[in-house]
């Protein structure tokens, strides 16, 4: 392999790395009654997104906290968590008002009370 080909290969490999950086096997942990950690199931009903790394990390933390809460899982909520400039926007549906309020409270706890907007509707 000549030098130009090697440089091109390295450049392409490093340029593609951010495409694989986001881990779609979310790392939300639950604790059972024996205080044993287990990975929370991700059934794809809670999504997160943002336009930059800091906001994406914030949206992922909120989404992971929602996924980790057992009271939100059966029957579960459907939610989208987006972040921009350190503020989180929630949207989605819950089975009842109590579940919707719990999801909103979790988002406020993770992101800060003044940094959350939007609501989870009931249906």
PDB file of N, CA and C in Angstrom:
ATOM      1  N   UNK A   1       0.855  -1.157   0.000  1.00  0.00           N
ATOM      2  CA  UNK A   1       0.000   0.000   0.000  1.00  0.00           C
ATOM      3  C   UNK A   1       0.912   1.234   0.000  1.00  0.00           C
ATOM      4  N   UNK A   2       0.641   2.144  -0.916  1.00  0.00           N
ATOM      5  CA  UNK A   2       1.480   3.340  -0.956  1.00  0.00           C
ATOM      6  C   UNK A   2       1.007   4.355   0.095  1.00  0.00           C
ATOM      7  N   UNK A   3       1.792   5.375   0.279  1.00  0.00           N
ATOM      8  CA  UNK A   3       1.554   6.351   1.336  1.00  0.00           C
ATOM      9  C   UNK A   3       0.210   7.081   1.155  1.00  0.00           C
ATOM     10  N   UNK A   4      -0.129   7.473  -0.065  1.00  0.00           N
ATOM     11  CA  UNK A   4      -1.386   8.186  -0.314  1.00  0.00           C
ATOM     12  C   UNK A   4      -2.593   7.312   0.012  1.00  0.00           C
ATOM     13  N   UNK A   5      -2.512   6.055  -0.338  1.00  0.00           N
ATOM     14  CA  UNK A   5      -3.613   5.135  -0.045  1.00  0.00           C
ATOM     15  C   UNK A   5      -3.757   4.934   1.464  1.00  0.00           C
ATOM     16  N   UNK A   6      -2.642   4.825   2.158  1.00  0.00           N
ATOM     17  CA  UNK A   6      -2.672   4.653   3.611  1.00  0.00           C
ATOM     18  C   UNK A   6      -3.270   5.880   4.293  1.00  0.00           C
ATOM     19  N   UNK A   7      -2.879   7.060   3.850  1.00  0.00           N
ATOM     20  CA  UNK A   7      -3.414   8.298   4.427  1.00  0.00           C
ATOM     21  C   UNK A   7      -4.911   8.394   4.157  1.00  0.00           C
ATOM     22  N   UNK A   8      -5.334   8.046   2.961  1.00  0.00           N
ATOM     23  CA  UNK A   8      -6.758   8.062   2.623  1.00  0.00           C
ATOM     24  C   UNK A   8      -7.538   7.084   3.498  1.00  0.00           C
ATOM     25  N   UNK A   9      -7.001   5.890   3.702  1.00  0.00           N
ATOM     26  CA  UNK A   9      -7.677   4.879   4.520  1.00  0.00           C
ATOM     27  C   UNK A   9      -7.826   5.352   5.960  1.00  0.00           C
ATOM     28  N   UNK A  10      -6.770   5.937   6.519  1.00  0.00           N
ATOM     29  CA  UNK A  10      -6.828   6.436   7.895  1.00  0.00           C
ATOM     30  C   UNK A  10      -7.822   7.593   8.000  1.00  0.00           C
ATOM     31  N   UNK A  11      -7.810   8.493   7.045  1.00  0.00           N
ATOM     32  CA  UNK A  11      -8.725   9.632   7.047  1.00  0.00           C
ATOM     33  C   UNK A  11     -10.178   9.166   6.986  1.00  0.00           C
ATOM     34  N   UNK A  12     -10.463   8.212   6.127  1.00  0.00           N
ATOM     35  CA  UNK A  12     -11.821   7.682   6.027  1.00  0.00           C
ATOM     36  C   UNK A  12     -12.247   6.974   7.309  1.00  0.00           C
ATOM     37  N   UNK A  13     -11.340   6.219   7.898  1.00  0.00           N
ATOM     38  CA  UNK A  13     -11.660   5.502   9.134  1.00  0.00           C
ATOM     39  C   UNK A  13     -11.942   6.477  10.269  1.00  0.00           C
ATOM     40  N   UNK A  14     -11.121   7.512  10.411  1.00  0.00           N
ATOM     41  CA  UNK A  14     -11.328   8.495  11.474  1.00  0.00           C
ATOM     42  C   UNK A  14     -12.562   9.350  11.208  1.00  0.00           C
ATOM     43  N   UNK A  15     -12.815   9.634   9.962  1.00  0.00           N
ATOM     44  CA  UNK A  15     -13.996  10.418   9.606  1.00  0.00           C
ATOM     45  C   UNK A  15     -15.284   9.665   9.853  1.00  0.00           C
ATOM     46  N   UNK A  16     -15.261   8.356   9.752  1.00  0.00           N
ATOM     47  CA  UNK A  16     -16.459   7.543   9.962  1.00  0.00           C
ATOM     48  C   UNK A  16     -16.705   7.242  11.437  1.00  0.00           C
ATOM     49  N   UNK A  17     -15.724   7.431  12.289  1.00  0.00           N
ATOM     50  CA  UNK A  17     -15.855   7.077  13.708  1.00  0.00           C
ATOM     51  C   UNK A  17     -17.057   7.728  14.385  1.00  0.00           C
ATOM     52  N   UNK A  18     -17.338   9.033  14.167  1.00  0.00           N
ATOM     53  CA  UNK A  18     -18.504   9.625  14.822  1.00  0.00           C
ATOM     54  C   UNK A  18     -19.824   8.962  14.424  1.00  0.00           C
ATOM     55  N   UNK A  19     -19.883   8.369  13.261  1.00  0.00           N
ATOM     56  CA  UNK A  19     -21.105   7.691  12.832  1.00  0.00           C
ATOM     57  C   UNK A  19     -21.432   6.504  13.719  1.00  0.00           C
ATOM     58  N   UNK A  20     -20.427   5.924  14.332  1.00  0.00           N
ATOM     59  CA  UNK A  20     -20.626   4.745  15.157  1.00  0.00           C
ATOM     60  C   UNK A  20     -20.523   5.060  16.650  1.00  0.00           C
ATOM     61  N   UNK A  21     -20.409   6.339  16.999  1.00  0.00           N
ATOM     62  CA  UNK A  21     -20.171   6.712  18.385  1.00  0.00           C
ATOM     63  C   UNK A  21     -21.412   6.564  19.254  1.00  0.00           C
ATOM     64  N   UNK A  22     -22.610   6.776  18.708  1.00  0.00           N
ATOM     65  CA  UNK A  22     -23.823   6.711  19.507  1.00  0.00           C
ATOM     66  C   UNK A  22     -24.192   5.258  19.754  1.00  0.00           C
ATOM     67  N   UNK A  23     -24.362   4.926  21.002  1.00  0.00           N
ATOM     68  CA  UNK A  23     -24.676   3.555  21.399  1.00  0.00           C
ATOM     69  C   UNK A  23     -26.182   3.393  21.472  1.00  0.00           C
ATOM     70  N   UNK A  24     -26.766   2.638  20.553  1.00  0.00           N
ATOM     71  CA  UNK A  24     -28.210   2.460  20.530  1.00  0.00           C
ATOM     72  C   UNK A  24     -28.677   1.373  21.491  1.00  0.00           C
ATOM     73  N   UNK A  25     -27.793   0.690  22.176  1.00  0.00           N
ATOM     74  CA  UNK A  25     -28.171  -0.263  23.221  1.00  0.00           C
ATOM     75  C   UNK A  25     -28.087   0.483  24.538  1.00  0.00           C
ATOM     76  N   UNK A  26     -29.067   1.332  24.803  1.00  0.00           N
ATOM     77  CA  UNK A  26     -29.036   2.282  25.903  1.00  0.00           C
ATOM     78  C   UNK A  26     -28.660   1.625  27.228  1.00  0.00           C
ATOM     79  N   UNK A  27     -27.983   2.384  28.063  1.00  0.00           N
ATOM     80  CA  UNK A  27     -27.444   1.860  29.314  1.00  0.00           C
ATOM     81  C   UNK A  27     -28.258   2.325  30.517  1.00  0.00           C
ATOM     82  N   UNK A  28     -29.517   1.991  30.539  1.00  0.00           N
ATOM     83  CA  UNK A  28     -30.345   2.339  31.689  1.00  0.00           C
ATOM     84  C   UNK A  28     -30.357   1.155  32.643  1.00  0.00           C
ATOM     85  N   UNK A  29     -30.048   1.427  33.903  1.00  0.00           N
ATOM     86  CA  UNK A  29     -29.958   0.340  34.885  1.00  0.00           C
ATOM     87  C   UNK A  29     -31.131   0.398  35.837  1.00  0.00           C
ATOM     88  N   UNK A  30     -31.689  -0.757  36.148  1.00  0.00           N
ATOM     89  CA  UNK A  30     -32.720  -0.909  37.170  1.00  0.00           C
ATOM     90  C   UNK A  30     -32.153  -1.707  38.319  1.00  0.00           C
ATOM     91  N   UNK A  31     -32.762  -1.596  39.481  1.00  0.00           N
ATOM     92  CA  UNK A  31     -32.363  -2.383  40.641  1.00  0.00           C
ATOM     93  C   UNK A  31     -33.575  -3.158  41.126  1.00  0.00           C
ATOM     94  N   UNK A  32     -33.410  -4.442  41.324  1.00  0.00           N
ATOM     95  CA  UNK A  32     -34.528  -5.240  41.815  1.00  0.00           C
ATOM     96  C   UNK A  32     -34.578  -5.180  43.344  1.00  0.00           C
ATOM     97  N   UNK A  33     -35.506  -5.930  43.959  1.00  0.00           N
ATOM     98  CA  UNK A  33     -35.701  -5.850  45.401  1.00  0.00           C
ATOM     99  C   UNK A  33     -34.471  -6.289  46.186  1.00  0.00           C
ATOM    100  N   UNK A  34     -33.618  -7.097  45.579  1.00  0.00           N
ATOM    101  CA  UNK A  34     -32.383  -7.519  46.251  1.00  0.00           C
ATOM    102  C   UNK A  34     -31.252  -6.538  45.964  1.00  0.00           C
ATOM    103  N   UNK A  35     -31.583  -5.387  45.360  1.00  0.00           N
ATOM    104  CA  UNK A  35     -30.618  -4.352  45.004  1.00  0.00           C
ATOM    105  C   UNK A  35     -29.562  -4.859  44.029  1.00  0.00           C
ATOM    106  N   UNK A  36     -29.981  -5.740  43.147  1.00  0.00           N
ATOM    107  CA  UNK A  36     -29.097  -6.257  42.113  1.00  0.00           C
ATOM    108  C   UNK A  36     -29.335  -5.464  40.840  1.00  0.00           C
ATOM    109  N   UNK A  37     -28.281  -4.933  40.274  1.00  0.00           N
ATOM    110  CA  UNK A  37     -28.418  -4.128  39.060  1.00  0.00           C
ATOM    111  C   UNK A  37     -28.709  -5.028  37.870  1.00  0.00           C
ATOM    112  N   UNK A  38     -29.574  -4.533  37.002  1.00  0.00           N
ATOM    113  CA  UNK A  38     -29.826  -5.215  35.750  1.00  0.00           C
ATOM    114  C   UNK A  38     -30.096  -4.156  34.696  1.00  0.00           C
ATOM    115  N   UNK A  39     -29.762  -4.460  33.470  1.00  0.00           N
ATOM    116  CA  UNK A  39     -29.967  -3.519  32.382  1.00  0.00           C
ATOM    117  C   UNK A  39     -31.441  -3.440  32.042  1.00  0.00           C
ATOM    118  N   UNK A  40     -31.980  -2.229  31.981  1.00  0.00           N
ATOM    119  CA  UNK A  40     -33.392  -2.051  31.665  1.00  0.00           C
ATOM    120  C   UNK A  40     -33.636  -2.369  30.203  1.00  0.00           C
ATOM    121  N   UNK A  41     -34.760  -2.980  29.942  1.00  0.00           N
ATOM    122  CA  UNK A  41     -35.114  -3.322  28.570  1.00  0.00           C
ATOM    123  C   UNK A  41     -35.453  -2.054  27.802  1.00  0.00           C
ATOM    124  N   UNK A  42     -35.036  -1.982  26.578  1.00  0.00           N
ATOM    125  CA  UNK A  42     -35.352  -0.859  25.707  1.00  0.00           C
ATOM    126  C   UNK A  42     -36.214  -1.388  24.582  1.00  0.00           C
ATOM    127  N   UNK A  43     -37.512  -1.135  24.675  1.00  0.00           N
ATOM    128  CA  UNK A  43     -38.418  -1.641  23.649  1.00  0.00           C
ATOM    129  C   UNK A  43     -38.618  -0.649  22.517  1.00  0.00           C
ATOM    130  N   UNK A  44     -37.860   0.438  22.511  1.00  0.00           N
ATOM    131  CA  UNK A  44     -37.944   1.404  21.429  1.00  0.00           C
ATOM    132  C   UNK A  44     -39.058   2.416  21.578  1.00  0.00           C
ATOM    133  N   UNK A  45     -39.696   2.496  22.746  1.00  0.00           N
ATOM    134  CA  UNK A  45     -40.802   3.426  22.919  1.00  0.00           C
ATOM    135  C   UNK A  45     -40.359   4.804  23.418  1.00  0.00           C
ATOM    136  N   UNK A  46     -39.085   4.938  23.792  1.00  0.00           N
ATOM    137  CA  UNK A  46     -38.554   6.225  24.233  1.00  0.00           C
ATOM    138  C   UNK A  46     -37.352   6.563  23.350  1.00  0.00           C
ATOM    139  N   UNK A  47     -37.442   7.710  22.696  1.00  0.00           N
ATOM    140  CA  UNK A  47     -36.396   8.127  21.760  1.00  0.00           C
ATOM    141  C   UNK A  47     -35.794   9.439  22.215  1.00  0.00           C
ATOM    142  N   UNK A  48     -34.534   9.667  21.844  1.00  0.00           N
ATOM    143  CA  UNK A  48     -33.880  10.918  22.198  1.00  0.00           C
ATOM    144  C   UNK A  48     -33.054  11.408  21.029  1.00  0.00           C
ATOM    145  N   UNK A  49     -32.804  12.716  21.024  1.00  0.00           N
ATOM    146  CA  UNK A  49     -31.989  13.271  19.961  1.00  0.00           C
ATOM    147  C   UNK A  49     -31.614  14.712  20.223  1.00  0.00           C
ATOM    148  N   UNK A  50     -30.585  15.151  19.525  1.00  0.00           N
ATOM    149  CA  UNK A  50     -30.098  16.528  19.630  1.00  0.00           C
ATOM    150  C   UNK A  50     -29.146  16.790  18.481  1.00  0.00           C
ATOM    151  N   UNK A  51     -28.726  18.045  18.346  1.00  0.00           N
ATOM    152  CA  UNK A  51     -27.857  18.431  17.237  1.00  0.00           C
ATOM    153  C   UNK A  51     -26.380  18.518  17.611  1.00  0.00           C
ATOM    154  N   UNK A  52     -26.050  18.496  18.914  1.00  0.00           N
ATOM    155  CA  UNK A  52     -24.640  18.515  19.287  1.00  0.00           C
ATOM    156  C   UNK A  52     -24.404  17.524  20.418  1.00  0.00           C
ATOM    157  N   UNK A  53     -23.168  17.249  20.701  1.00  0.00           N
ATOM    158  CA  UNK A  53     -22.806  16.186  21.648  1.00  0.00           C
ATOM    159  C   UNK A  53     -23.298  16.465  23.065  1.00  0.00           C
ATOM    160  N   UNK A  54     -23.177  17.699  23.546  1.00  0.00           N
ATOM    161  CA  UNK A  54     -23.617  18.018  24.907  1.00  0.00           C
ATOM    162  C   UNK A  54     -25.126  17.831  25.056  1.00  0.00           C
ATOM    163  N   UNK A  55     -25.877  18.346  24.080  1.00  0.00           N
ATOM    164  CA  UNK A  55     -27.329  18.198  24.136  1.00  0.00           C
ATOM    165  C   UNK A  55     -27.745  16.743  23.952  1.00  0.00           C
ATOM    166  N   UNK A  56     -27.032  16.019  23.124  1.00  0.00           N
ATOM    167  CA  UNK A  56     -27.344  14.602  22.940  1.00  0.00           C
ATOM    168  C   UNK A  56     -27.120  13.820  24.232  1.00  0.00           C
ATOM    169  N   UNK A  57     -26.047  14.146  24.941  1.00  0.00           N
ATOM    170  CA  UNK A  57     -25.783  13.485  26.217  1.00  0.00           C
ATOM    171  C   UNK A  57     -26.897  13.789  27.220  1.00  0.00           C
ATOM    172  N   UNK A  58     -27.365  15.033  27.256  1.00  0.00           N
ATOM    173  CA  UNK A  58     -28.461  15.412  28.148  1.00  0.00           C
ATOM    174  C   UNK A  58     -29.743  14.666  27.781  1.00  0.00           C
ATOM    175  N   UNK A  59     -30.101  14.667  26.504  1.00  0.00           N
ATOM    176  CA  UNK A  59     -31.309  13.968  26.061  1.00  0.00           C
ATOM    177  C   UNK A  59     -31.217  12.476  26.373  1.00  0.00           C
ATOM    178  N   UNK A  60     -30.050  11.891  26.175  1.00  0.00           N
ATOM    179  CA  UNK A  60     -29.858  10.466  26.476  1.00  0.00           C
ATOM    180  C   UNK A  60     -29.995  10.187  27.968  1.00  0.00           C
ATOM    181  N   UNK A  61     -29.474  11.083  28.820  1.00  0.00           N
ATOM    182  CA  UNK A  61     -29.610  10.887  30.277  1.00  0.00           C
ATOM    183  C   UNK A  61     -31.071  10.899  30.698  1.00  0.00           C
ATOM    184  N   UNK A  62     -31.842  11.839  30.147  1.00  0.00           N
ATOM    185  CA  UNK A  62     -33.265  11.908  30.473  1.00  0.00           C
ATOM    186  C   UNK A  62     -33.980  10.659  29.957  1.00  0.00           C
ATOM    187  N   UNK A  63     -33.721  10.285  28.708  1.00  0.00           N
ATOM    188  CA  UNK A  63     -34.368   9.099  28.136  1.00  0.00           C
ATOM    189  C   UNK A  63     -34.001   7.838  28.912  1.00  0.00           C
ATOM    190  N   UNK A  64     -32.750   7.708  29.296  1.00  0.00           N
ATOM    191  CA  UNK A  64     -32.324   6.540  30.072  1.00  0.00           C
ATOM    192  C   UNK A  64     -33.013   6.504  31.435  1.00  0.00           C
ATOM    193  N   UNK A  65     -33.193   7.665  32.068  1.00  0.00           N
ATOM    194  CA  UNK A  65     -33.893   7.711  33.359  1.00  0.00           C
ATOM    195  C   UNK A  65     -35.354   7.301  33.190  1.00  0.00           C
ATOM    196  N   UNK A  66     -35.979   7.710  32.101  1.00  0.00           N
ATOM    197  CA  UNK A  66     -37.356   7.298  31.836  1.00  0.00           C
ATOM    198  C   UNK A  66     -37.434   5.792  31.604  1.00  0.00           C
ATOM    199  N   UNK A  67     -36.505   5.262  30.840  1.00  0.00           N
ATOM    200  CA  UNK A  67     -36.481   3.817  30.568  1.00  0.00           C
ATOM    201  C   UNK A  67     -36.262   3.013  31.844  1.00  0.00           C
ATOM    202  N   UNK A  68     -35.499   3.554  32.776  1.00  0.00           N
ATOM    203  CA  UNK A  68     -35.124   2.822  33.985  1.00  0.00           C
ATOM    204  C   UNK A  68     -36.244   2.769  35.024  1.00  0.00           C
ATOM    205  N   UNK A  69     -37.258   3.593  34.876  1.00  0.00           N
ATOM    206  CA  UNK A  69     -38.323   3.636  35.870  1.00  0.00           C
ATOM    207  C   UNK A  69     -39.363   2.557  35.588  1.00  0.00           C
ATOM    208  N   UNK A  70     -39.515   1.642  36.517  1.00  0.00           N
ATOM    209  CA  UNK A  70     -40.449   0.513  36.332  1.00  0.00           C
ATOM    210  C   UNK A  70     -41.894   0.973  36.195  1.00  0.00           C
ATOM    211  N   UNK A  71     -42.269   2.037  36.870  1.00  0.00           N
ATOM    212  CA  UNK A  71     -43.660   2.506  36.814  1.00  0.00           C
ATOM    213  C   UNK A  71     -44.029   3.041  35.434  1.00  0.00           C
ATOM    214  N   UNK A  72     -43.020   3.333  34.629  1.00  0.00           N
ATOM    215  CA  UNK A  72     -43.291   3.837  33.281  1.00  0.00           C
ATOM    216  C   UNK A  72     -43.237   2.737  32.230  1.00  0.00           C
ATOM    217  N   UNK A  73     -42.910   1.518  32.655  1.00  0.00           N
ATOM    218  CA  UNK A  73     -42.679   0.478  31.655  1.00  0.00           C
ATOM    219  C   UNK A  73     -43.864  -0.437  31.382  1.00  0.00           C
ATOM    220  N   UNK A  74     -44.756  -0.652  32.339  1.00  0.00           N
ATOM    221  CA  UNK A  74     -45.851  -1.596  32.096  1.00  0.00           C
ATOM    222  C   UNK A  74     -47.162  -1.057  32.607  1.00  0.00           C
ATOM    223  N   UNK A  75     -48.149  -0.739  31.815  1.00  0.00           N
ATOM    224  CA  UNK A  75     -47.981  -0.443  30.402  1.00  0.00           C
ATOM    225  C   UNK A  75     -47.196   0.844  30.254  1.00  0.00           C
ATOM    226  N   UNK A  76     -46.427   0.919  29.241  1.00  0.00           N
ATOM    227  CA  UNK A  76     -45.429   1.963  29.141  1.00  0.00           C
ATOM    228  C   UNK A  76     -45.845   3.229  28.439  1.00  0.00           C
ATOM    229  N   UNK A  77     -44.945   4.190  28.513  1.00  0.00           N
ATOM    230  CA  UNK A  77     -45.141   5.450  27.812  1.00  0.00           C
ATOM    231  C   UNK A  77     -44.442   5.384  26.461  1.00  0.00           C
ATOM    232  N   UNK A  78     -44.846   6.274  25.594  1.00  0.00           N
ATOM    233  CA  UNK A  78     -44.157   6.507  24.335  1.00  0.00           C
ATOM    234  C   UNK A  78     -43.714   7.961  24.397  1.00  0.00           C
ATOM    235  N   UNK A  79     -42.409   8.207  24.292  1.00  0.00           N
ATOM    236  CA  UNK A  79     -41.930   9.575  24.469  1.00  0.00           C
ATOM    237  C   UNK A  79     -40.758   9.880  23.550  1.00  0.00           C
ATOM    238  N   UNK A  80     -40.665  11.154  23.213  1.00  0.00           N
ATOM    239  CA  UNK A  80     -39.508  11.680  22.493  1.00  0.00           C
ATOM    240  C   UNK A  80     -38.882  12.745  23.376  1.00  0.00           C
ATOM    241  N   UNK A  81     -37.579  12.627  23.578  1.00  0.00           N
ATOM    242  CA  UNK A  81     -36.828  13.580  24.390  1.00  0.00           C
ATOM    243  C   UNK A  81     -35.836  14.254  23.448  1.00  0.00           C
ATOM    244  N   UNK A  82     -35.962  15.558  23.297  1.00  0.00           N
ATOM    245  CA  UNK A  82     -34.997  16.287  22.483  1.00  0.00           C
ATOM    246  C   UNK A  82     -34.379  17.389  23.333  1.00  0.00           C
ATOM    247  N   UNK A  83     -33.160  17.756  22.978  1.00  0.00           N
ATOM    248  CA  UNK A  83     -32.466  18.788  23.744  1.00  0.00           C
ATOM    249  C   UNK A  83     -31.832  19.796  22.790  1.00  0.00           C
ATOM    250  N   UNK A  84     -31.846  21.045  23.218  1.00  0.00           N
ATOM    251  CA  UNK A  84     -31.201  22.119  22.458  1.00  0.00           C
ATOM    252  C   UNK A  84     -30.766  23.182  23.454  1.00  0.00           C
ATOM    253  N   UNK A  85     -29.496  23.534  23.388  1.00  0.00           N
ATOM    254  CA  UNK A  85     -28.926  24.575  24.258  1.00  0.00           C
ATOM    255  C   UNK A  85     -29.171  24.286  25.745  1.00  0.00           C
ATOM    256  N   UNK A  86     -29.059  23.017  26.123  1.00  0.00           N
ATOM    257  CA  UNK A  86     -29.200  22.639  27.516  1.00  0.00           C
ATOM    258  C   UNK A  86     -30.625  22.539  28.023  1.00  0.00           C
ATOM    259  N   UNK A  87     -31.597  22.720  27.147  1.00  0.00           N
ATOM    260  CA  UNK A  87     -33.004  22.616  27.519  1.00  0.00           C
ATOM    261  C   UNK A  87     -33.606  21.372  26.885  1.00  0.00           C
ATOM    262  N   UNK A  88     -34.495  20.725  27.609  1.00  0.00           N
ATOM    263  CA  UNK A  88     -35.101  19.470  27.168  1.00  0.00           C
ATOM    264  C   UNK A  88     -36.566  19.704  26.807  1.00  0.00           C
ATOM    265  N   UNK A  89     -36.985  19.139  25.694  1.00  0.00           N
ATOM    266  CA  UNK A  89     -38.391  19.167  25.299  1.00  0.00           C
ATOM    267  C   UNK A  89     -38.913  17.733  25.296  1.00  0.00           C
ATOM    268  N   UNK A  90     -40.044  17.532  25.970  1.00  0.00           N
ATOM    269  CA  UNK A  90     -40.690  16.220  26.036  1.00  0.00           C
ATOM    270  C   UNK A  90     -41.947  16.232  25.188  1.00  0.00           C
ATOM    271  N   UNK A  91     -42.234  15.111  24.567  1.00  0.00           N
ATOM    272  CA  UNK A  91     -43.531  14.913  23.925  1.00  0.00           C
ATOM    273  C   UNK A  91     -43.810  13.424  23.934  1.00  0.00           C
ATOM    274  N   UNK A  92     -45.083  13.079  23.896  1.00  0.00           N
ATOM    275  CA  UNK A  92     -45.436  11.672  23.858  1.00  0.00           C
ATOM    276  C   UNK A  92     -46.745  11.385  24.551  1.00  0.00           C
ATOM    277  N   UNK A  93     -46.980  10.102  24.833  1.00  0.00           N
ATOM    278  CA  UNK A  93     -48.238   9.655  25.415  1.00  0.00           C
ATOM    279  C   UNK A  93     -47.978   8.699  26.574  1.00  0.00           C
ATOM    280  N   UNK A  94     -48.843   8.792  27.593  1.00  0.00           N
ATOM    281  CA  UNK A  94     -48.789   7.892  28.751  1.00  0.00           C
ATOM    282  C   UNK A  94     -50.163   7.258  28.930  1.00  0.00           C
ATOM    283  N   UNK A  95     -50.218   6.207  29.733  1.00  0.00           N
ATOM    284  CA  UNK A  95     -51.470   5.508  29.979  1.00  0.00           C
ATOM    285  C   UNK A  95     -52.428   6.317  30.860  1.00  0.00           C
ATOM    286  N   UNK A  96     -51.888   7.123  31.785  1.00  0.00           N
ATOM    287  CA  UNK A  96     -52.728   7.909  32.685  1.00  0.00           C
ATOM    288  C   UNK A  96     -51.964   9.139  33.164  1.00  0.00           C
ATOM    289  N   UNK A  97     -52.671  10.027  33.887  1.00  0.00           N
ATOM    290  CA  UNK A  97     -52.062  11.271  34.370  1.00  0.00           C
ATOM    291  C   UNK A  97     -50.907  11.015  35.325  1.00  0.00           C
ATOM    292  N   UNK A  98     -51.059  10.031  36.197  1.00  0.00           N
ATOM    293  CA  UNK A  98     -49.997   9.739  37.168  1.00  0.00           C
ATOM    294  C   UNK A  98     -48.696   9.362  36.452  1.00  0.00           C
ATOM    295  N   UNK A  99     -48.799   8.544  35.420  1.00  0.00           N
ATOM    296  CA  UNK A  99     -47.620   8.132  34.672  1.00  0.00           C
ATOM    297  C   UNK A  99     -47.010   9.324  33.921  1.00  0.00           C
ATOM    298  N   UNK A 100     -47.854  10.177  33.348  1.00  0.00           N
ATOM    299  CA  UNK A 100     -47.366  11.361  32.637  1.00  0.00           C
ATOM    300  C   UNK A 100     -46.645  12.304  33.591  1.00  0.00           C
ATOM    301  N   UNK A 101     -47.235  12.544  34.762  1.00  0.00           N
ATOM    302  CA  UNK A 101     -46.609  13.432  35.741  1.00  0.00           C
ATOM    303  C   UNK A 101     -45.287  12.857  36.241  1.00  0.00           C
ATOM    304  N   UNK A 102     -45.227  11.551  36.399  1.00  0.00           N
ATOM    305  CA  UNK A 102     -43.983  10.908  36.844  1.00  0.00           C
ATOM    306  C   UNK A 102     -42.886  11.100  35.799  1.00  0.00           C
ATOM    307  N   UNK A 103     -43.210  10.905  34.535  1.00  0.00           N
ATOM    308  CA  UNK A 103     -42.222  11.081  33.466  1.00  0.00           C
ATOM    309  C   UNK A 103     -41.709  12.517  33.429  1.00  0.00           C
ATOM    310  N   UNK A 104     -42.616  13.477  33.569  1.00  0.00           N
ATOM    311  CA  UNK A 104     -42.211  14.882  33.560  1.00  0.00           C
ATOM    312  C   UNK A 104     -41.341  15.207  34.779  1.00  0.00           C
ATOM    313  N   UNK A 105     -41.668  14.637  35.926  1.00  0.00           N
ATOM    314  CA  UNK A 105     -40.870  14.868  37.140  1.00  0.00           C
ATOM    315  C   UNK A 105     -39.469  14.278  36.989  1.00  0.00           C
ATOM    316  N   UNK A 106     -39.372  13.111  36.397  1.00  0.00           N
ATOM    317  CA  UNK A 106     -38.057  12.496  36.171  1.00  0.00           C
ATOM    318  C   UNK A 106     -37.228  13.373  35.251  1.00  0.00           C
ATOM    319  N   UNK A 107     -37.835  13.884  34.197  1.00  0.00           N
ATOM    320  CA  UNK A 107     -37.114  14.761  33.265  1.00  0.00           C
ATOM    321  C   UNK A 107     -36.620  16.014  33.982  1.00  0.00           C
ATOM    322  N   UNK A 108     -37.462  16.614  34.837  1.00  0.00           N
ATOM    323  CA  UNK A 108     -37.051  17.811  35.586  1.00  0.00           C
ATOM    324  C   UNK A 108     -35.921  17.494  36.552  1.00  0.00           C
ATOM    325  N   UNK A 109     -35.975  16.317  37.189  1.00  0.00           N
ATOM    326  CA  UNK A 109     -34.917  15.930  38.131  1.00  0.00           C
ATOM    327  C   UNK A 109     -33.575  15.787  37.405  1.00  0.00           C
ATOM    328  N   UNK A 110     -33.586  15.203  36.222  1.00  0.00           N
ATOM    329  CA  UNK A 110     -32.343  14.961  35.492  1.00  0.00           C
ATOM    330  C   UNK A 110     -31.819  16.239  34.836  1.00  0.00           C
ATOM    331  N   UNK A 111     -32.699  17.001  34.200  1.00  0.00           N
ATOM    332  CA  UNK A 111     -32.263  18.162  33.417  1.00  0.00           C
ATOM    333  C   UNK A 111     -32.320  19.474  34.181  1.00  0.00           C
ATOM    334  N   UNK A 112     -32.995  19.479  35.319  1.00  0.00           N
ATOM    335  CA  UNK A 112     -33.189  20.730  36.057  1.00  0.00           C
ATOM    336  C   UNK A 112     -34.597  21.242  35.797  1.00  0.00           C
ATOM    337  N   UNK A 113     -35.272  21.669  36.858  1.00  0.00           N
ATOM    338  CA  UNK A 113     -36.690  22.025  36.764  1.00  0.00           C
ATOM    339  C   UNK A 113     -36.976  23.095  35.724  1.00  0.00           C
ATOM    340  N   UNK A 114     -36.110  24.087  35.608  1.00  0.00           N
ATOM    341  CA  UNK A 114     -36.350  25.172  34.658  1.00  0.00           C
ATOM    342  C   UNK A 114     -35.918  24.852  33.240  1.00  0.00           C
ATOM    343  N   UNK A 115     -35.414  23.654  33.020  1.00  0.00           N
ATOM    344  CA  UNK A 115     -34.885  23.304  31.701  1.00  0.00           C
ATOM    345  C   UNK A 115     -35.738  22.305  30.952  1.00  0.00           C
ATOM    346  N   UNK A 116     -36.984  22.083  31.370  1.00  0.00           N
ATOM    347  CA  UNK A 116     -37.846  21.102  30.727  1.00  0.00           C
ATOM    348  C   UNK A 116     -39.123  21.765  30.267  1.00  0.00           C
ATOM    349  N   UNK A 117     -39.484  21.510  29.026  1.00  0.00           N
ATOM    350  CA  UNK A 117     -40.753  22.009  28.498  1.00  0.00           C
ATOM    351  C   UNK A 117     -41.474  20.871  27.797  1.00  0.00           C
ATOM    352  N   UNK A 118     -42.731  21.112  27.462  1.00  0.00           N
ATOM    353  CA  UNK A 118     -43.515  20.081  26.803  1.00  0.00           C
ATOM    354  C   UNK A 118     -44.204  19.197  27.822  1.00  0.00           C
ATOM    355  N   UNK A 119     -45.076  18.357  27.332  1.00  0.00           N
ATOM    356  CA  UNK A 119     -45.825  17.481  28.224  1.00  0.00           C
ATOM    357  C   UNK A 119     -45.985  16.105  27.604  1.00  0.00           C
ATOM    358  N   UNK A 120     -46.301  15.178  28.468  1.00  0.00           N
ATOM    359  CA  UNK A 120     -46.665  13.828  28.043  1.00  0.00           C
ATOM    360  C   UNK A 120     -48.191  13.771  28.138  1.00  0.00           C
ATOM    361  N   UNK A 121     -48.865  13.584  27.027  1.00  0.00           N
ATOM    362  CA  UNK A 121     -50.332  13.526  26.994  1.00  0.00           C
ATOM    363  C   UNK A 121     -50.810  12.152  27.464  1.00  0.00           C
ATOM    364  N   UNK A 122     -52.058  12.104  27.884  1.00  0.00           N
ATOM    365  CA  UNK A 122     -52.640  10.816  28.284  1.00  0.00           C
ATOM    366  C   UNK A 122     -53.653  10.391  27.242  1.00  0.00           C
ATOM    367  N   UNK A 123     -53.823   9.094  27.160  1.00  0.00           N
ATOM    368  CA  UNK A 123     -54.727   8.607  26.117  1.00  0.00           C
ATOM    369  C   UNK A 123     -55.487   7.417  26.453  1.00  0.00           C
TER     370      UNK A 123
END
